Amino acid sequence: MIDYAIRLRATVDEQGALIKALLAHPMESGFRRNAAGEVSPAHYLTEISLSINGEVVAKVLTGSGVATDPLFGWRIAGVQRGDTVTVAWRDNLGNTQSKDTRAQ
């Protein structure tokens, strides 16, 4: 079983919040072959969303070209300490994951 953990940090300063999310995911393109010459099945993120206090403020549509365990970062104005920051993703196999944190 793969651990699909999300590491999430939101740090507030005078410019708003710097939000960083490290998404554990294999990001297999479906073009690579294993040692036996068999094609590895595609398994990659298709959508990532960022919400502040339940309101989606950014949505990223991705594909098989993104690296394994990608790191995403956003600079969002207007975020206050204590606001709830949520990152969620969906992959091409229908798996989903999300994580909340409070802006610090």
PDB file of N, CA and C in Angstrom:
ATOM      1  N   MET A   1       0.844  -1.191   0.000  1.00  0.00           N
ATOM      2  CA  MET A   1       0.000   0.000   0.000  1.00  0.00           C
ATOM      3  C   MET A   1       0.883   1.246   0.000  1.00  0.00           C
ATOM      4  N   ILE A   2       0.570   2.166  -0.864  1.00  0.00           N
ATOM      5  CA  ILE A   2       1.325   3.415  -0.969  1.00  0.00           C
ATOM      6  C   ILE A   2       0.773   4.418   0.028  1.00  0.00           C
ATOM      7  N   ASP A   3       1.669   5.137   0.695  1.00  0.00           N
ATOM      8  CA  ASP A   3       1.269   6.187   1.620  1.00  0.00           C
ATOM      9  C   ASP A   3       1.106   7.482   0.835  1.00  0.00           C
ATOM     10  N   TYR A   4      -0.124   7.973   0.713  1.00  0.00           N
ATOM     11  CA  TYR A   4      -0.423   9.185  -0.041  1.00  0.00           C
ATOM     12  C   TYR A   4      -0.473  10.409   0.867  1.00  0.00           C
ATOM     13  N   ALA A   5       0.464  10.530   1.757  1.00  0.00           N
ATOM     14  CA  ALA A   5       0.468  11.632   2.720  1.00  0.00           C
ATOM     15  C   ALA A   5       0.682  12.971   2.026  1.00  0.00           C
ATOM     16  N   ILE A   6       0.100  14.005   2.598  1.00  0.00           N
ATOM     17  CA  ILE A   6       0.328  15.379   2.159  1.00  0.00           C
ATOM     18  C   ILE A   6       1.001  16.106   3.318  1.00  0.00           C
ATOM     19  N   ARG A   7       2.137  16.721   3.044  1.00  0.00           N
ATOM     20  CA  ARG A   7       2.775  17.588   4.032  1.00  0.00           C
ATOM     21  C   ARG A   7       2.422  19.008   3.641  1.00  0.00           C
ATOM     22  N   LEU A   8       1.813  19.754   4.568  1.00  0.00           N
ATOM     23  CA  LEU A   8       1.241  21.066   4.257  1.00  0.00           C
ATOM     24  C   LEU A   8       1.684  22.092   5.290  1.00  0.00           C
ATOM     25  N   ARG A   9       2.111  23.248   4.793  1.00  0.00           N
ATOM     26  CA  ARG A   9       2.516  24.342   5.672  1.00  0.00           C
ATOM     27  C   ARG A   9       1.983  25.654   5.103  1.00  0.00           C
ATOM     28  N   ALA A  10       1.447  26.518   5.973  1.00  0.00           N
ATOM     29  CA  ALA A  10       0.965  27.841   5.575  1.00  0.00           C
ATOM     30  C   ALA A  10       1.523  28.860   6.559  1.00  0.00           C
ATOM     31  N   THR A  11       2.385  29.746   6.061  1.00  0.00           N
ATOM     32  CA  THR A  11       3.049  30.739   6.895  1.00  0.00           C
ATOM     33  C   THR A  11       2.601  32.129   6.465  1.00  0.00           C
ATOM     34  N   VAL A  12       2.042  32.893   7.397  1.00  0.00           N
ATOM     35  CA  VAL A  12       1.530  34.231   7.104  1.00  0.00           C
ATOM     36  C   VAL A  12       2.613  35.266   7.377  1.00  0.00           C
ATOM     37  N   ASP A  13       2.727  36.244   6.455  1.00  0.00           N
ATOM     38  CA  ASP A  13       3.606  37.395   6.652  1.00  0.00           C
ATOM     39  C   ASP A  13       2.898  38.626   6.094  1.00  0.00           C
ATOM     40  N   GLU A  14       3.616  39.719   5.921  1.00  0.00           N
ATOM     41  CA  GLU A  14       2.988  40.966   5.476  1.00  0.00           C
ATOM     42  C   GLU A  14       2.443  40.885   4.045  1.00  0.00           C
ATOM     43  N   GLN A  15       2.832  39.896   3.274  1.00  0.00           N
ATOM     44  CA  GLN A  15       2.361  39.742   1.894  1.00  0.00           C
ATOM     45  C   GLN A  15       1.200  38.756   1.775  1.00  0.00           C
ATOM     46  N   GLY A  16       0.759  38.176   2.860  1.00  0.00           N
ATOM     47  CA  GLY A  16      -0.301  37.165   2.833  1.00  0.00           C
ATOM     48  C   GLY A  16       0.239  35.864   3.372  1.00  0.00           C
ATOM     49  N   ALA A  17       0.013  34.775   2.648  1.00  0.00           N
ATOM     50  CA  ALA A  17       0.487  33.469   3.112  1.00  0.00           C
ATOM     51  C   ALA A  17       1.322  32.799   2.038  1.00  0.00           C
ATOM     52  N   LEU A  18       2.379  32.157   2.476  1.00  0.00           N
ATOM     53  CA  LEU A  18       3.149  31.274   1.619  1.00  0.00           C
ATOM     54  C   LEU A  18       2.713  29.864   1.984  1.00  0.00           C
ATOM     55  N   ILE A  19       2.130  29.166   1.020  1.00  0.00           N
ATOM     56  CA  ILE A  19       1.581  27.827   1.252  1.00  0.00           C
ATOM     57  C   ILE A  19       2.400  26.839   0.438  1.00  0.00           C
ATOM     58  N   LYS A  20       2.890  25.807   1.111  1.00  0.00           N
ATOM     59  CA  LYS A  20       3.667  24.769   0.442  1.00  0.00           C
ATOM     60  C   LYS A  20       3.039  23.414   0.745  1.00  0.00           C
ATOM     61  N   ALA A  21       2.926  22.595  -0.298  1.00  0.00           N
ATOM     62  CA  ALA A  21       2.345  21.264  -0.153  1.00  0.00           C
ATOM     63  C   ALA A  21       3.229  20.247  -0.866  1.00  0.00           C
ATOM     64  N   LEU A  22       3.685  19.256  -0.130  1.00  0.00           N
ATOM     65  CA  LEU A  22       4.439  18.142  -0.692  1.00  0.00           C
ATOM     66  C   LEU A  22       3.472  16.965  -0.781  1.00  0.00           C
ATOM     67  N   LEU A  23       3.213  16.504  -2.012  1.00  0.00           N
ATOM     68  CA  LEU A  23       2.210  15.476  -2.252  1.00  0.00           C
ATOM     69  C   LEU A  23       2.903  14.152  -2.564  1.00  0.00           C
ATOM     70  N   ALA A  24       2.753  13.186  -1.674  1.00  0.00           N
ATOM     71  CA  ALA A  24       3.337  11.858  -1.908  1.00  0.00           C
ATOM     72  C   ALA A  24       2.481  11.131  -2.939  1.00  0.00           C
ATOM     73  N   HIS A  25       3.065  10.874  -4.108  1.00  0.00           N
ATOM     74  CA  HIS A  25       2.339  10.177  -5.169  1.00  0.00           C
ATOM     75  C   HIS A  25       3.349   9.622  -6.160  1.00  0.00           C
ATOM     76  N   PRO A  26       3.131   8.399  -6.691  1.00  0.00           N
ATOM     77  CA  PRO A  26       4.116   7.787  -7.589  1.00  0.00           C
ATOM     78  C   PRO A  26       4.252   8.483  -8.947  1.00  0.00           C
ATOM     79  N   MET A  27       3.211   9.127  -9.429  1.00  0.00           N
ATOM     80  CA  MET A  27       3.254   9.860 -10.696  1.00  0.00           C
ATOM     81  C   MET A  27       3.866   9.026 -11.821  1.00  0.00           C
ATOM     82  N   GLU A  28       3.277   7.890 -12.076  1.00  0.00           N
ATOM     83  CA  GLU A  28       3.744   6.997 -13.144  1.00  0.00           C
ATOM     84  C   GLU A  28       3.061   7.385 -14.455  1.00  0.00           C
ATOM     85  N   SER A  29       3.842   7.683 -15.480  1.00  0.00           N
ATOM     86  CA  SER A  29       3.321   8.203 -16.752  1.00  0.00           C
ATOM     87  C   SER A  29       2.580   7.160 -17.597  1.00  0.00           C
ATOM     88  N   GLY A  30       2.926   5.902 -17.432  1.00  0.00           N
ATOM     89  CA  GLY A  30       2.336   4.863 -18.264  1.00  0.00           C
ATOM     90  C   GLY A  30       3.171   4.564 -19.499  1.00  0.00           C
ATOM     91  N   PHE A  31       4.330   5.206 -19.620  1.00  0.00           N
ATOM     92  CA  PHE A  31       5.224   4.988 -20.759  1.00  0.00           C
ATOM     93  C   PHE A  31       6.495   4.240 -20.369  1.00  0.00           C
ATOM     94  N   ARG A  32       6.792   4.195 -19.091  1.00  0.00           N
ATOM     95  CA  ARG A  32       8.036   3.581 -18.627  1.00  0.00           C
ATOM     96  C   ARG A  32       7.900   2.060 -18.588  1.00  0.00           C
ATOM     97  N   ARG A  33       8.993   1.388 -18.857  1.00  0.00           N
ATOM     98  CA  ARG A  33       9.005  -0.079 -18.799  1.00  0.00           C
ATOM     99  C   ARG A  33       9.819  -0.542 -17.592  1.00  0.00           C
ATOM    100  N   ASN A  34       9.395  -1.656 -17.002  1.00  0.00           N
ATOM    101  CA  ASN A  34      10.136  -2.226 -15.872  1.00  0.00           C
ATOM    102  C   ASN A  34      11.256  -3.123 -16.404  1.00  0.00           C
ATOM    103  N   ALA A  35      11.977  -3.792 -15.518  1.00  0.00           N
ATOM    104  CA  ALA A  35      13.120  -4.633 -15.904  1.00  0.00           C
ATOM    105  C   ALA A  35      12.714  -5.771 -16.834  1.00  0.00           C
ATOM    106  N   ALA A  36      11.466  -6.214 -16.738  1.00  0.00           N
ATOM    107  CA  ALA A  36      10.978  -7.308 -17.589  1.00  0.00           C
ATOM    108  C   ALA A  36      10.474  -6.799 -18.943  1.00  0.00           C
ATOM    109  N   GLY A  37      10.516  -5.475 -19.148  1.00  0.00           N
ATOM    110  CA  GLY A  37      10.060  -4.901 -20.403  1.00  0.00           C
ATOM    111  C   GLY A  37       8.578  -4.601 -20.468  1.00  0.00           C
ATOM    112  N   GLU A  38       7.882  -4.791 -19.356  1.00  0.00           N
ATOM    113  CA  GLU A  38       6.447  -4.518 -19.311  1.00  0.00           C
ATOM    114  C   GLU A  38       6.211  -3.042 -19.010  1.00  0.00           C
ATOM    115  N   VAL A  39       5.197  -2.471 -19.630  1.00  0.00           N
ATOM    116  CA  VAL A  39       4.852  -1.076 -19.399  1.00  0.00           C
ATOM    117  C   VAL A  39       4.181  -0.949 -18.028  1.00  0.00           C
ATOM    118  N   SER A  40       4.669  -0.008 -17.216  1.00  0.00           N
ATOM    119  CA  SER A  40       4.046   0.262 -15.915  1.00  0.00           C
ATOM    120  C   SER A  40       2.739   1.012 -16.159  1.00  0.00           C
ATOM    121  N   PRO A  41       1.650   0.632 -15.495  1.00  0.00           N
ATOM    122  CA  PRO A  41       0.375   1.316 -15.725  1.00  0.00           C
ATOM    123  C   PRO A  41       0.427   2.779 -15.276  1.00  0.00           C
ATOM    124  N   ALA A  42      -0.291   3.621 -15.989  1.00  0.00           N
ATOM    125  CA  ALA A  42      -0.346   5.049 -15.657  1.00  0.00           C
ATOM    126  C   ALA A  42      -1.012   5.245 -14.295  1.00  0.00           C
ATOM    127  N   HIS A  43      -0.441   6.137 -13.512  1.00  0.00           N
ATOM    128  CA  HIS A  43      -0.979   6.488 -12.192  1.00  0.00           C
ATOM    129  C   HIS A  43      -0.429   7.854 -11.830  1.00  0.00           C
ATOM    130  N   TYR A  44      -1.229   8.896 -12.049  1.00  0.00           N
ATOM    131  CA  TYR A  44      -0.740  10.267 -11.864  1.00  0.00           C
ATOM    132  C   TYR A  44      -1.862  11.188 -11.391  1.00  0.00           C
ATOM    133  N   LEU A  45      -1.469  12.309 -10.801  1.00  0.00           N
ATOM    134  CA  LEU A  45      -2.420  13.313 -10.339  1.00  0.00           C
ATOM    135  C   LEU A  45      -3.039  14.015 -11.542  1.00  0.00           C
ATOM    136  N   THR A  46      -4.334  14.295 -11.452  1.00  0.00           N
ATOM    137  CA  THR A  46      -5.019  15.016 -12.522  1.00  0.00           C
ATOM    138  C   THR A  46      -5.517  16.380 -12.065  1.00  0.00           C
ATOM    139  N   GLU A  47      -5.729  16.549 -10.755  1.00  0.00           N
ATOM    140  CA  GLU A  47      -6.267  17.813 -10.257  1.00  0.00           C
ATOM    141  C   GLU A  47      -5.792  18.061  -8.827  1.00  0.00           C
ATOM    142  N   ILE A  48      -5.384  19.292  -8.560  1.00  0.00           N
ATOM    143  CA  ILE A  48      -4.989  19.718  -7.217  1.00  0.00           C
ATOM    144  C   ILE A  48      -5.733  21.008  -6.926  1.00  0.00           C
ATOM    145  N   SER A  49      -6.351  21.098  -5.760  1.00  0.00           N
ATOM    146  CA  SER A  49      -7.056  22.332  -5.412  1.00  0.00           C
ATOM    147  C   SER A  49      -6.573  22.861  -4.066  1.00  0.00           C
ATOM    148  N   LEU A  50      -6.596  24.179  -3.960  1.00  0.00           N
ATOM    149  CA  LEU A  50      -6.223  24.889  -2.738  1.00  0.00           C
ATOM    150  C   LEU A  50      -7.427  25.687  -2.276  1.00  0.00           C
ATOM    151  N   SER A  51      -7.829  25.492  -1.026  1.00  0.00           N
ATOM    152  CA  SER A  51      -8.969  26.212  -0.459  1.00  0.00           C
ATOM    153  C   SER A  51      -8.538  26.954   0.792  1.00  0.00           C
ATOM    154  N   ILE A  52      -9.130  28.123   0.988  1.00  0.00           N
ATOM    155  CA  ILE A  52      -8.945  28.901   2.205  1.00  0.00           C
ATOM    156  C   ILE A  52     -10.320  29.037   2.845  1.00  0.00           C
ATOM    157  N   ASN A  53     -10.444  28.553   4.074  1.00  0.00           N
ATOM    158  CA  ASN A  53     -11.715  28.586   4.802  1.00  0.00           C
ATOM    159  C   ASN A  53     -12.862  28.026   3.960  1.00  0.00           C
ATOM    160  N   GLY A  54     -12.603  26.934   3.232  1.00  0.00           N
ATOM    161  CA  GLY A  54     -13.634  26.255   2.461  1.00  0.00           C
ATOM    162  C   GLY A  54     -13.885  26.798   1.064  1.00  0.00           C
ATOM    163  N   GLU A  55     -13.252  27.900   0.687  1.00  0.00           N
ATOM    164  CA  GLU A  55     -13.433  28.489  -0.634  1.00  0.00           C
ATOM    165  C   GLU A  55     -12.232  28.160  -1.520  1.00  0.00           C
ATOM    166  N   VAL A  56     -12.492  27.525  -2.671  1.00  0.00           N
ATOM    167  CA  VAL A  56     -11.406  27.186  -3.587  1.00  0.00           C
ATOM    168  C   VAL A  56     -10.828  28.478  -4.166  1.00  0.00           C
ATOM    169  N   VAL A  57      -9.511  28.643  -3.997  1.00  0.00           N
ATOM    170  CA  VAL A  57      -8.833  29.839  -4.507  1.00  0.00           C
ATOM    171  C   VAL A  57      -7.869  29.513  -5.647  1.00  0.00           C
ATOM    172  N   ALA A  58      -7.533  28.244  -5.832  1.00  0.00           N
ATOM    173  CA  ALA A  58      -6.666  27.829  -6.937  1.00  0.00           C
ATOM    174  C   ALA A  58      -6.953  26.375  -7.275  1.00  0.00           C
ATOM    175  N   LYS A  59      -6.926  26.093  -8.576  1.00  0.00           N
ATOM    176  CA  LYS A  59      -7.091  24.724  -9.047  1.00  0.00           C
ATOM    177  C   LYS A  59      -6.045  24.494 -10.132  1.00  0.00           C
ATOM    178  N   VAL A  60      -5.297  23.401 -10.003  1.00  0.00           N
ATOM    179  CA  VAL A  60      -4.252  23.049 -10.959  1.00  0.00           C
ATOM    180  C   VAL A  60      -4.642  21.739 -11.621  1.00  0.00           C
ATOM    181  N   LEU A  61      -4.676  21.744 -12.948  1.00  0.00           N
ATOM    182  CA  LEU A  61      -4.928  20.515 -13.706  1.00  0.00           C
ATOM    183  C   LEU A  61      -3.574  19.992 -14.156  1.00  0.00           C
ATOM    184  N   THR A  62      -3.242  18.774 -13.741  1.00  0.00           N
ATOM    185  CA  THR A  62      -1.928  18.217 -14.031  1.00  0.00           C
ATOM    186  C   THR A  62      -2.062  16.987 -14.914  1.00  0.00           C
ATOM    187  N   GLY A  63      -0.927  16.438 -15.274  1.00  0.00           N
ATOM    188  CA  GLY A  63      -0.913  15.241 -16.102  1.00  0.00           C
ATOM    189  C   GLY A  63       0.282  14.378 -15.767  1.00  0.00           C
ATOM    190  N   SER A  64       0.590  13.474 -16.656  1.00  0.00           N
ATOM    191  CA  SER A  64       1.620  12.479 -16.388  1.00  0.00           C
ATOM    192  C   SER A  64       3.035  13.041 -16.408  1.00  0.00           C
ATOM    193  N   GLY A  65       3.234  14.279 -16.832  1.00  0.00           N
ATOM    194  CA  GLY A  65       4.564  14.862 -16.912  1.00  0.00           C
ATOM    195  C   GLY A  65       5.100  15.428 -15.614  1.00  0.00           C
ATOM    196  N   VAL A  66       4.340  15.389 -14.538  1.00  0.00           N
ATOM    197  CA  VAL A  66       4.772  15.921 -13.249  1.00  0.00           C
ATOM    198  C   VAL A  66       5.595  14.856 -12.514  1.00  0.00           C
ATOM    199  N   ALA A  67       6.652  15.296 -11.831  1.00  0.00           N
ATOM    200  CA  ALA A  67       7.570  14.388 -11.145  1.00  0.00           C
ATOM    201  C   ALA A  67       6.919  13.664  -9.964  1.00  0.00           C
ATOM    202  N   THR A  68       7.522  12.571  -9.579  1.00  0.00           N
ATOM    203  CA  THR A  68       7.106  11.832  -8.390  1.00  0.00           C
ATOM    204  C   THR A  68       7.166  12.742  -7.165  1.00  0.00           C
ATOM    205  N   ASP A  69       6.205  12.600  -6.258  1.00  0.00           N
ATOM    206  CA  ASP A  69       6.137  13.374  -5.010  1.00  0.00           C
ATOM    207  C   ASP A  69       6.320  14.871  -5.261  1.00  0.00           C
ATOM    208  N   PRO A  70       5.428  15.483  -6.039  1.00  0.00           N
ATOM    209  CA  PRO A  70       5.615  16.888  -6.400  1.00  0.00           C
ATOM    210  C   PRO A  70       5.427  17.846  -5.222  1.00  0.00           C
ATOM    211  N   LEU A  71       6.144  18.962  -5.308  1.00  0.00           N
ATOM    212  CA  LEU A  71       6.040  20.059  -4.339  1.00  0.00           C
ATOM    213  C   LEU A  71       5.383  21.234  -5.045  1.00  0.00           C
ATOM    214  N   PHE A  72       4.284  21.722  -4.475  1.00  0.00           N
ATOM    215  CA  PHE A  72       3.588  22.886  -5.012  1.00  0.00           C
ATOM    216  C   PHE A  72       3.648  24.011  -3.994  1.00  0.00           C
ATOM    217  N   GLY A  73       3.697  25.241  -4.486  1.00  0.00           N
ATOM    218  CA  GLY A  73       3.721  26.403  -3.610  1.00  0.00           C
ATOM    219  C   GLY A  73       2.862  27.516  -4.175  1.00  0.00           C
ATOM    220  N   TRP A  74       2.205  28.229  -3.294  1.00  0.00           N
ATOM    221  CA  TRP A  74       1.361  29.356  -3.673  1.00  0.00           C
ATOM    222  C   TRP A  74       1.633  30.515  -2.736  1.00  0.00           C
ATOM    223  N   ARG A  75       1.534  31.743  -3.250  1.00  0.00           N
ATOM    224  CA  ARG A  75       1.550  32.959  -2.436  1.00  0.00           C
ATOM    225  C   ARG A  75       0.147  33.541  -2.575  1.00  0.00           C
ATOM    226  N   ILE A  76      -0.608  33.591  -1.470  1.00  0.00           N
ATOM    227  CA  ILE A  76      -1.996  34.030  -1.486  1.00  0.00           C
ATOM    228  C   ILE A  76      -2.168  35.226  -0.552  1.00  0.00           C
ATOM    229  N   ALA A  77      -2.636  36.340  -1.101  1.00  0.00           N
ATOM    230  CA  ALA A  77      -2.884  37.548  -0.305  1.00  0.00           C
ATOM    231  C   ALA A  77      -4.178  37.386   0.487  1.00  0.00           C
ATOM    232  N   GLY A  78      -4.261  38.082   1.598  1.00  0.00           N
ATOM    233  CA  GLY A  78      -5.489  38.125   2.382  1.00  0.00           C
ATOM    234  C   GLY A  78      -5.678  36.999   3.374  1.00  0.00           C
ATOM    235  N   VAL A  79      -4.759  36.078   3.447  1.00  0.00           N
ATOM    236  CA  VAL A  79      -4.865  34.977   4.404  1.00  0.00           C
ATOM    237  C   VAL A  79      -4.409  35.473   5.772  1.00  0.00           C
ATOM    238  N   GLN A  80      -5.180  35.145   6.793  1.00  0.00           N
ATOM    239  CA  GLN A  80      -4.883  35.565   8.166  1.00  0.00           C
ATOM    240  C   GLN A  80      -4.435  34.365   8.994  1.00  0.00           C
ATOM    241  N   ARG A  81      -3.677  34.635  10.047  1.00  0.00           N
ATOM    242  CA  ARG A  81      -3.321  33.562  10.980  1.00  0.00           C
ATOM    243  C   ARG A  81      -4.605  32.936  11.525  1.00  0.00           C
ATOM    244  N   GLY A  82      -4.636  31.613  11.560  1.00  0.00           N
ATOM    245  CA  GLY A  82      -5.811  30.901  12.047  1.00  0.00           C
ATOM    246  C   GLY A  82      -6.761  30.453  10.951  1.00  0.00           C
ATOM    247  N   ASP A  83      -6.617  31.001   9.735  1.00  0.00           N
ATOM    248  CA  ASP A  83      -7.464  30.552   8.620  1.00  0.00           C
ATOM    249  C   ASP A  83      -7.172  29.079   8.317  1.00  0.00           C
ATOM    250  N   THR A  84      -8.190  28.367   7.861  1.00  0.00           N
ATOM    251  CA  THR A  84      -8.026  26.967   7.481  1.00  0.00           C
ATOM    252  C   THR A  84      -7.584  26.878   6.029  1.00  0.00           C
ATOM    253  N   VAL A  85      -6.470  26.210   5.821  1.00  0.00           N
ATOM    254  CA  VAL A  85      -5.915  26.003   4.479  1.00  0.00           C
ATOM    255  C   VAL A  85      -6.055  24.513   4.158  1.00  0.00           C
ATOM    256  N   THR A  86      -6.631  24.209   2.988  1.00  0.00           N
ATOM    257  CA  THR A  86      -6.851  22.827   2.578  1.00  0.00           C
ATOM    258  C   THR A  86      -6.266  22.598   1.190  1.00  0.00           C
ATOM    259  N   VAL A  87      -5.526  21.520   1.051  1.00  0.00           N
ATOM    260  CA  VAL A  87      -5.053  21.060  -0.257  1.00  0.00           C
ATOM    261  C   VAL A  87      -5.678  19.693  -0.492  1.00  0.00           C
ATOM    262  N   ALA A  88      -6.218  19.501  -1.697  1.00  0.00           N
ATOM    263  CA  ALA A  88      -6.841  18.223  -2.057  1.00  0.00           C
ATOM    264  C   ALA A  88      -6.390  17.839  -3.460  1.00  0.00           C
ATOM    265  N   TRP A  89      -6.307  16.526  -3.700  1.00  0.00           N
ATOM    266  CA  TRP A  89      -5.968  16.067  -5.043  1.00  0.00           C
ATOM    267  C   TRP A  89      -6.825  14.888  -5.451  1.00  0.00           C
ATOM    268  N   ARG A  90      -6.861  14.661  -6.778  1.00  0.00           N
ATOM    269  CA  ARG A  90      -7.523  13.501  -7.378  1.00  0.00           C
ATOM    270  C   ARG A  90      -6.550  12.956  -8.415  1.00  0.00           C
ATOM    271  N   ASP A  91      -6.515  11.625  -8.557  1.00  0.00           N
ATOM    272  CA  ASP A  91      -5.635  11.054  -9.582  1.00  0.00           C
ATOM    273  C   ASP A  91      -6.459  10.339 -10.657  1.00  0.00           C
ATOM    274  N   ASN A  92      -5.769   9.855 -11.688  1.00  0.00           N
ATOM    275  CA  ASN A  92      -6.446   9.235 -12.822  1.00  0.00           C
ATOM    276  C   ASN A  92      -7.118   7.911 -12.486  1.00  0.00           C
ATOM    277  N   LEU A  93      -6.854   7.349 -11.310  1.00  0.00           N
ATOM    278  CA  LEU A  93      -7.509   6.109 -10.880  1.00  0.00           C
ATOM    279  C   LEU A  93      -8.694   6.376  -9.958  1.00  0.00           C
ATOM    280  N   GLY A  94      -9.002   7.657  -9.726  1.00  0.00           N
ATOM    281  CA  GLY A  94     -10.130   8.022  -8.873  1.00  0.00           C
ATOM    282  C   GLY A  94      -9.788   8.174  -7.404  1.00  0.00           C
ATOM    283  N   ASN A  95      -8.532   7.972  -7.022  1.00  0.00           N
ATOM    284  CA  ASN A  95      -8.119   8.177  -5.636  1.00  0.00           C
ATOM    285  C   ASN A  95      -8.153   9.655  -5.305  1.00  0.00           C
ATOM    286  N   THR A  96      -8.463   9.968  -4.056  1.00  0.00           N
ATOM    287  CA  THR A  96      -8.448  11.350  -3.586  1.00  0.00           C
ATOM    288  C   THR A  96      -7.744  11.416  -2.232  1.00  0.00           C
ATOM    289  N   GLN A  97      -7.268  12.586  -1.916  1.00  0.00           N
ATOM    290  CA  GLN A  97      -6.635  12.830  -0.616  1.00  0.00           C
ATOM    291  C   GLN A  97      -6.746  14.321  -0.328  1.00  0.00           C
ATOM    292  N   SER A  98      -6.848  14.667   0.938  1.00  0.00           N
ATOM    293  CA  SER A  98      -6.853  16.081   1.313  1.00  0.00           C
ATOM    294  C   SER A  98      -6.210  16.241   2.681  1.00  0.00           C
ATOM    295  N   LYS A  99      -5.787  17.467   2.942  1.00  0.00           N
ATOM    296  CA  LYS A  99      -5.155  17.786   4.224  1.00  0.00           C
ATOM    297  C   LYS A  99      -5.489  19.227   4.567  1.00  0.00           C
ATOM    298  N   ASP A 100      -5.797  19.466   5.833  1.00  0.00           N
ATOM    299  CA  ASP A 100      -6.067  20.812   6.367  1.00  0.00           C
ATOM    300  C   ASP A 100      -4.957  21.209   7.319  1.00  0.00           C
ATOM    301  N   THR A 101      -4.726  22.513   7.395  1.00  0.00           N
ATOM    302  CA  THR A 101      -3.846  23.058   8.423  1.00  0.00           C
ATOM    303  C   THR A 101      -4.332  24.475   8.725  1.00  0.00           C
ATOM    304  N   ARG A 102      -3.901  25.004   9.824  1.00  0.00           N
ATOM    305  CA  ARG A 102      -4.192  26.394  10.190  1.00  0.00           C
ATOM    306  C   ARG A 102      -3.002  27.248   9.780  1.00  0.00           C
ATOM    307  N   ALA A 103      -3.283  28.392   9.184  1.00  0.00           N
ATOM    308  CA  ALA A 103      -2.218  29.311   8.818  1.00  0.00           C
ATOM    309  C   ALA A 103      -1.550  29.823  10.085  1.00  0.00           C
ATOM    310  N   GLN A 104      -0.241  29.837  10.082  1.00  0.00           N
ATOM    311  CA  GLN A 104       0.535  30.267  11.253  1.00  0.00           C
ATOM    312  C   GLN A 104       1.140  31.629  11.035  1.00  0.00           C
TER     313      GLN A 104
END
